Amino acid sequence: MKLLTIFTPTYNRAHTLPRLYESLCAQTDKRFEWIVVNDGSTDNTNEVLNRIQREQAVNIIVINKENGGKPRAINDGLKTANGEFFFMVDSDDYITPDAVERLFCWCREIEDDERFVAVGAARAYPNGEYIKGVAPKIDNAGYVDATNLERALYDLDADMCEAYKTDIFKKFPFKVWDGENFAPEQIVLNEMALSGYKIRWRKDKIYICEYLDDGLTKGSDSLMRRNPMGYAMMYDHMLKYGYPLKKRIKCVCNMTALATIGKHPFYFLKSNAKFLGALTFFPSLLLAARRKKQFRSM
């Protein structure tokens, strides 16, 4: 590998970007480019990025665009990426000084192996504790090979970070419904898993998180209220995972309920379970009414 792309989408994070920038300046291996998509920020993000560009301490590429949400920002970053691997770091997080150096070593192990789409490592709090509270389950070789759909088996279902092969990642663009700004990333990542791609995960902590009150993770309910079709697409995609009937019914009901809120009540006719969607249509409408009431109280 000759170059790593570190990608950061940002919206009104002028106050946290300098910390991430400082962590990139401190890297023991400087063979990376930093692509920042400024997703329509209304604070002084532009001023901060202009200063970073003038300093020329890191190889930075800035893309300014109207606010369109994180999935669209990722797609824009992928189109611009020059690195063989694509590593996403949120603008309110940062990485350890040896993160790039370690990623280079791990990427070399799988770069020519067509079974793998990425390498992964752990995220931690600033005090060094794993986000989930336990370390991932790895084998004697020091890692575990698994698809994104197998994460729970190895305690990988909490926060991990991954560097993806850019050429493969580009074949799986992130989904967004017209008129909305967000759909869960798991749709794309699990589609890679369904295509047979594995990730080599390690327990090493290279990514540091400090979740903010207005961040995406803490605002999942609010995201669902504003992007019902994005989440309807997620539940539709979950119907491809081979779940037992009871869980499939739950997915279909949630899909139709959210699609109804999004003013597309017959979305199930284009879904991965048309017949089941028809059978559960009226119960799903009742769920939609309950969801609307919950959303109004938020």
Protein backbone atom coordinates (compact mmCIF):
# COMPACT_ATOMS: atom_id res chain seq x y z
CA MET A 1 0.00 0.00 0.00
CA LYS A 2 1.32 3.42 -0.98
CA LEU A 3 -1.32 5.74 0.44
CA LEU A 4 -4.15 5.67 2.98
CA THR A 5 -7.19 7.94 2.69
CA ILE A 6 -8.48 9.27 6.00
CA PHE A 7 -11.97 10.59 5.45
CA THR A 8 -13.89 13.00 7.69
CA PRO A 9 -17.40 14.33 7.06
CA THR A 10 -18.11 17.37 9.20
CA TYR A 11 -21.05 19.58 10.07
CA ASN A 12 -20.63 22.41 12.59
CA ARG A 13 -17.63 20.83 14.32
CA ALA A 14 -15.20 23.74 14.18
CA HIS A 15 -14.59 23.26 17.91
CA THR A 16 -13.49 19.59 17.59
CA LEU A 17 -11.70 19.52 14.22
CA PRO A 18 -8.43 20.95 15.62
CA ARG A 19 -8.11 17.99 18.00
CA LEU A 20 -8.46 15.52 15.13
CA TYR A 21 -6.02 17.58 13.07
CA GLU A 22 -3.46 17.51 15.89
CA SER A 23 -3.77 13.72 16.10
CA LEU A 24 -3.05 13.49 12.35
CA CYS A 25 -0.03 15.78 12.67
CA ALA A 26 1.28 13.45 15.40
CA GLN A 27 1.17 10.31 13.22
CA THR A 28 4.36 8.27 13.09
CA ASP A 29 3.60 7.41 9.45
CA LYS A 30 2.60 10.34 7.22
CA ARG A 31 1.64 8.33 4.12
CA PHE A 32 -1.97 9.46 4.10
CA GLU A 33 -4.28 12.05 2.61
CA TRP A 34 -7.02 13.65 4.66
CA ILE A 35 -10.27 14.29 2.79
CA VAL A 36 -12.69 16.53 4.66
CA VAL A 37 -16.22 17.07 3.36
CA ASN A 38 -17.65 20.24 4.89
CA ASP A 39 -21.34 19.35 4.70
CA GLY A 40 -22.84 22.84 4.71
CA SER A 41 -21.53 23.94 8.11
CA THR A 42 -22.88 27.24 9.41
CA ASP A 43 -20.24 27.79 12.11
CA ASN A 44 -16.59 28.78 11.46
CA THR A 45 -15.60 25.38 10.05
CA ASN A 46 -14.42 27.02 6.82
CA GLU A 47 -12.10 29.30 8.78
CA VAL A 48 -10.60 26.34 10.66
CA LEU A 49 -10.09 24.32 7.46
CA ASN A 50 -8.53 27.29 5.66
CA ARG A 51 -6.02 27.66 8.47
CA ILE A 52 -5.16 23.95 8.33
CA GLN A 53 -4.66 24.17 4.57
CA ARG A 54 -2.32 27.15 4.97
CA GLU A 55 -0.19 25.30 7.52
CA GLN A 56 0.38 22.39 5.08
CA ALA A 57 1.28 20.06 7.94
CA VAL A 58 -0.84 17.28 6.43
CA ASN A 59 -1.98 16.46 2.91
CA ILE A 60 -5.56 17.75 3.14
CA ILE A 61 -8.29 17.93 0.49
CA VAL A 62 -11.39 19.97 1.41
CA ILE A 63 -14.74 19.52 -0.33
CA ASN A 64 -17.35 22.17 0.44
CA LYS A 65 -20.96 21.26 -0.34
CA GLU A 66 -24.53 22.02 0.65
CA ASN A 67 -25.83 20.04 3.59
CA GLY A 68 -26.87 16.59 2.36
CA GLY A 69 -26.06 14.27 5.25
CA LYS A 70 -23.29 11.85 6.09
CA PRO A 71 -24.11 9.13 3.50
CA ARG A 72 -23.87 11.60 0.60
CA ALA A 73 -20.68 13.04 2.09
CA ILE A 74 -19.13 9.55 2.19
CA ASN A 75 -20.04 8.99 -1.46
CA ASP A 76 -18.38 12.30 -2.38
CA GLY A 77 -15.28 11.37 -0.40
CA LEU A 78 -15.01 7.99 -2.12
CA LYS A 79 -15.14 9.66 -5.54
CA THR A 80 -12.18 11.84 -4.58
CA ALA A 81 -10.09 9.26 -2.68
CA ASN A 82 -6.63 8.41 -3.98
CA GLY A 83 -5.68 5.94 -1.25
CA GLU A 84 -5.82 2.18 -1.65
CA PHE A 85 -7.71 1.98 1.66
CA PHE A 86 -10.43 4.31 2.98
CA PHE A 87 -10.53 5.00 6.74
CA MET A 88 -13.42 7.05 8.17
CA VAL A 89 -12.81 9.21 11.25
CA ASP A 90 -15.61 11.42 12.52
CA SER A 91 -14.86 15.08 13.17
CA ASP A 92 -15.54 14.82 16.91
CA ASP A 93 -13.11 11.88 17.34
CA TYR A 94 -9.36 11.39 16.91
CA ILE A 95 -6.79 8.61 16.45
CA THR A 96 -3.73 7.39 18.32
CA PRO A 97 -0.27 8.48 17.06
CA ASP A 98 0.53 5.01 15.67
CA ALA A 99 -2.85 4.44 14.00
CA VAL A 100 -1.67 4.98 10.40
CA GLU A 101 1.49 2.94 10.99
CA ARG A 102 -0.53 0.02 12.31
CA LEU A 103 -3.11 0.25 9.53
CA PHE A 104 -0.35 0.05 6.93
CA CYS A 105 0.94 -3.20 8.47
CA TRP A 106 -2.53 -4.74 8.73
CA CYS A 107 -3.61 -3.67 5.24
CA ARG A 108 -0.56 -5.33 3.70
CA GLU A 109 -1.76 -8.66 5.09
CA ILE A 110 -5.03 -8.61 3.16
CA GLU A 111 -4.50 -6.22 0.23
CA ASP A 112 -4.05 -9.04 -2.30
CA ASP A 113 -6.60 -11.41 -0.75
CA GLU A 114 -9.90 -11.10 -2.62
CA ARG A 115 -11.87 -12.53 0.33
CA PHE A 116 -11.29 -9.38 2.39
CA VAL A 117 -12.74 -5.91 2.04
CA ALA A 118 -11.21 -4.30 5.13
CA VAL A 119 -9.15 -4.44 8.29
CA GLY A 120 -10.61 -3.32 11.59
CA ALA A 121 -9.58 -2.26 15.09
CA ALA A 122 -11.25 -1.08 18.27
CA ARG A 123 -12.56 2.27 19.35
CA ALA A 124 -12.03 3.39 22.94
CA TYR A 125 -12.93 6.17 25.32
CA PRO A 126 -10.19 8.71 26.17
CA ASN A 127 -9.49 6.76 29.38
CA GLY A 128 -8.57 3.71 27.29
CA GLU A 129 -11.67 1.61 28.05
CA TYR A 130 -13.32 -0.28 25.22
CA ILE A 131 -16.60 1.31 24.14
CA LYS A 132 -18.46 -1.95 24.81
CA GLY A 133 -16.53 -2.61 28.00
CA VAL A 134 -14.99 -5.86 26.75
CA ALA A 135 -12.31 -6.68 24.21
CA PRO A 136 -13.21 -8.34 20.89
CA LYS A 137 -12.78 -12.11 20.84
CA ILE A 138 -9.74 -12.88 18.73
CA ASP A 139 -7.87 -16.10 17.95
CA ASN A 140 -4.28 -17.10 18.63
CA ALA A 141 -3.12 -15.30 15.50
CA GLY A 142 -4.12 -11.98 17.07
CA TYR A 143 -7.20 -11.28 14.96
CA VAL A 144 -10.54 -12.66 13.88
CA ASP A 145 -11.83 -12.92 10.30
CA ALA A 146 -15.58 -12.35 10.01
CA THR A 147 -18.19 -10.60 7.93
CA ASN A 148 -20.07 -7.56 9.18
CA LEU A 149 -23.08 -9.81 9.83
CA GLU A 150 -21.01 -12.00 12.19
CA ARG A 151 -19.89 -9.22 14.52
CA ALA A 152 -22.01 -10.22 17.51
CA LEU A 153 -20.33 -13.64 17.61
CA TYR A 154 -16.99 -12.03 18.48
CA ASP A 155 -18.02 -9.00 20.56
CA LEU A 156 -17.47 -6.76 17.55
CA ASP A 157 -21.01 -5.39 17.62
CA ALA A 158 -20.06 -2.30 19.59
CA ASP A 159 -17.86 0.42 18.17
CA MET A 160 -15.09 -0.71 15.84
CA CYS A 161 -13.34 1.17 13.07
CA GLU A 162 -12.40 -0.16 9.64
CA ALA A 163 -10.17 0.72 6.70
CA TYR A 164 -11.86 -0.50 3.51
CA LYS A 165 -10.35 -1.31 0.14
CA THR A 166 -11.30 1.80 -1.79
CA ASP A 167 -11.88 0.12 -5.15
CA ILE A 168 -14.38 -2.32 -3.60
CA PHE A 169 -16.01 0.29 -1.35
CA LYS A 170 -16.80 2.42 -4.40
CA LYS A 171 -18.97 -0.42 -5.75
CA PHE A 172 -21.28 -0.11 -2.72
CA PRO A 173 -22.47 3.52 -2.61
CA PHE A 174 -24.26 4.64 0.52
CA LYS A 175 -28.04 4.77 0.30
CA VAL A 176 -30.14 7.87 0.89
CA TRP A 177 -33.82 8.40 0.10
CA ASP A 178 -34.61 11.52 -1.94
CA GLY A 179 -35.66 14.32 0.38
CA GLU A 180 -33.86 12.81 3.39
CA ASN A 181 -30.31 13.14 4.67
CA PHE A 182 -29.62 9.83 6.39
CA ALA A 183 -29.91 6.06 6.19
CA PRO A 184 -28.04 3.67 8.52
CA GLU A 185 -24.60 2.65 7.31
CA GLN A 186 -25.36 -1.00 8.07
CA ILE A 187 -27.31 -1.25 4.80
CA VAL A 188 -24.12 -0.92 2.77
CA LEU A 189 -21.78 -2.68 5.18
CA ASN A 190 -24.08 -5.70 5.44
CA GLU A 191 -24.54 -5.79 1.68
CA MET A 192 -20.78 -6.30 1.48
CA ALA A 193 -21.15 -9.16 3.95
CA LEU A 194 -23.93 -10.70 1.86
CA SER A 195 -21.53 -10.51 -1.09
CA GLY A 196 -19.10 -12.68 0.90
CA TYR A 197 -16.53 -10.07 1.91
CA LYS A 198 -14.78 -10.51 5.25
CA ILE A 199 -13.01 -8.07 7.55
CA ARG A 200 -9.92 -8.87 9.60
CA TRP A 201 -10.53 -7.35 13.04
CA ARG A 202 -8.04 -6.81 15.86
CA LYS A 203 -8.52 -5.75 19.46
CA ASP A 204 -5.97 -2.92 19.28
CA LYS A 205 -7.37 0.51 20.22
CA ILE A 206 -6.46 3.11 17.61
CA TYR A 207 -9.59 5.28 17.51
CA ILE A 208 -10.71 7.52 20.40
CA CYS A 209 -14.37 8.55 20.82
CA GLU A 210 -16.02 11.26 22.86
CA TYR A 211 -19.71 11.08 22.03
CA LEU A 212 -21.39 14.47 21.95
CA ASP A 213 -25.00 15.16 22.90
CA ASP A 214 -25.83 16.27 19.35
CA GLY A 215 -23.92 13.48 17.61
CA LEU A 216 -25.47 10.90 15.28
CA THR A 217 -25.09 8.03 17.74
CA LYS A 218 -26.94 9.74 20.57
CA GLY A 219 -29.57 11.17 18.23
CA SER A 220 -30.76 7.94 16.62
CA ASP A 221 -34.45 8.44 17.55
CA SER A 222 -34.38 11.96 16.17
CA LEU A 223 -32.68 10.68 13.02
CA MET A 224 -35.45 8.14 12.52
CA ARG A 225 -38.10 10.83 12.92
CA ARG A 226 -36.43 13.02 10.28
CA ASN A 227 -35.49 10.14 7.95
CA PRO A 228 -38.26 7.53 8.12
CA MET A 229 -37.60 6.17 4.63
CA GLY A 230 -33.91 5.75 5.37
CA TYR A 231 -34.82 3.49 8.28
CA ALA A 232 -37.54 1.77 6.25
CA MET A 233 -34.79 0.84 3.78
CA MET A 234 -32.75 -0.55 6.68
CA TYR A 235 -35.58 -2.81 7.85
CA ASP A 236 -36.19 -3.91 4.27
CA HIS A 237 -32.52 -4.81 3.91
CA MET A 238 -32.68 -6.81 7.16
CA LEU A 239 -35.15 -9.13 5.43
CA LYS A 240 -32.19 -10.47 3.43
CA TYR A 241 -30.33 -11.72 6.53
CA GLY A 242 -32.04 -15.07 6.92
CA TYR A 243 -33.85 -14.23 10.15
CA PRO A 244 -36.55 -16.59 11.55
CA LEU A 245 -40.17 -15.75 10.74
CA LYS A 246 -40.94 -13.92 13.98
CA LYS A 247 -38.07 -11.48 13.47
CA ARG A 248 -38.93 -11.08 9.78
CA ILE A 249 -42.48 -10.07 10.75
CA LYS A 250 -41.07 -7.50 13.15
CA CYS A 251 -38.81 -6.10 10.40
CA VAL A 252 -41.68 -5.91 7.90
CA CYS A 253 -43.98 -4.15 10.37
CA ASN A 254 -41.33 -1.58 11.22
CA MET A 255 -40.54 -1.10 7.53
CA THR A 256 -44.15 -0.43 6.57
CA ALA A 257 -44.82 1.72 9.62
CA LEU A 258 -41.88 4.00 8.88
CA ALA A 259 -42.67 4.04 5.16
CA THR A 260 -46.22 5.11 6.04
CA ILE A 261 -44.86 7.96 8.14
CA GLY A 262 -42.66 8.83 5.17
CA LYS A 263 -45.79 8.94 2.98
CA HIS A 264 -44.94 5.77 1.06
CA PRO A 265 -47.32 3.22 2.69
CA PHE A 266 -47.08 0.77 -0.20
CA TYR A 267 -43.29 0.62 -0.13
CA PHE A 268 -43.63 -3.05 0.86
CA LEU A 269 -44.64 -3.81 -2.75
CA LYS A 270 -41.03 -3.11 -3.76
CA SER A 271 -39.52 -4.75 -0.68
CA ASN A 272 -37.74 -8.04 -0.03
CA ALA A 273 -40.96 -9.51 1.45
CA LYS A 274 -43.93 -8.40 -0.63
CA PHE A 275 -46.28 -11.19 0.52
CA LEU A 276 -45.40 -10.78 4.20
CA GLY A 277 -45.77 -7.03 3.79
CA ALA A 278 -49.30 -7.48 2.46
CA LEU A 279 -50.25 -9.83 5.32
CA THR A 280 -49.01 -7.42 7.97
CA PHE A 281 -50.17 -4.19 6.30
CA PHE A 282 -52.97 -3.27 8.72
CA PRO A 283 -51.03 -4.10 11.93
CA SER A 284 -48.22 -2.01 10.47
CA LEU A 285 -50.57 0.96 10.13
CA LEU A 286 -51.36 0.69 13.85
CA LEU A 287 -47.63 0.66 14.57
CA ALA A 288 -47.24 3.74 12.36
CA ALA A 289 -49.84 5.58 14.45
CA ARG A 290 -47.99 4.69 17.64
CA ARG A 291 -44.67 5.76 16.14
CA LYS A 292 -46.12 9.11 15.06
CA LYS A 293 -47.29 9.71 18.62
CA GLN A 294 -43.82 8.87 19.93
CA PHE A 295 -42.19 11.19 17.42
CA ARG A 296 -44.51 14.06 18.36
CA SER A 297 -43.44 13.75 22.00
CA MET A 298 -39.73 14.03 21.15
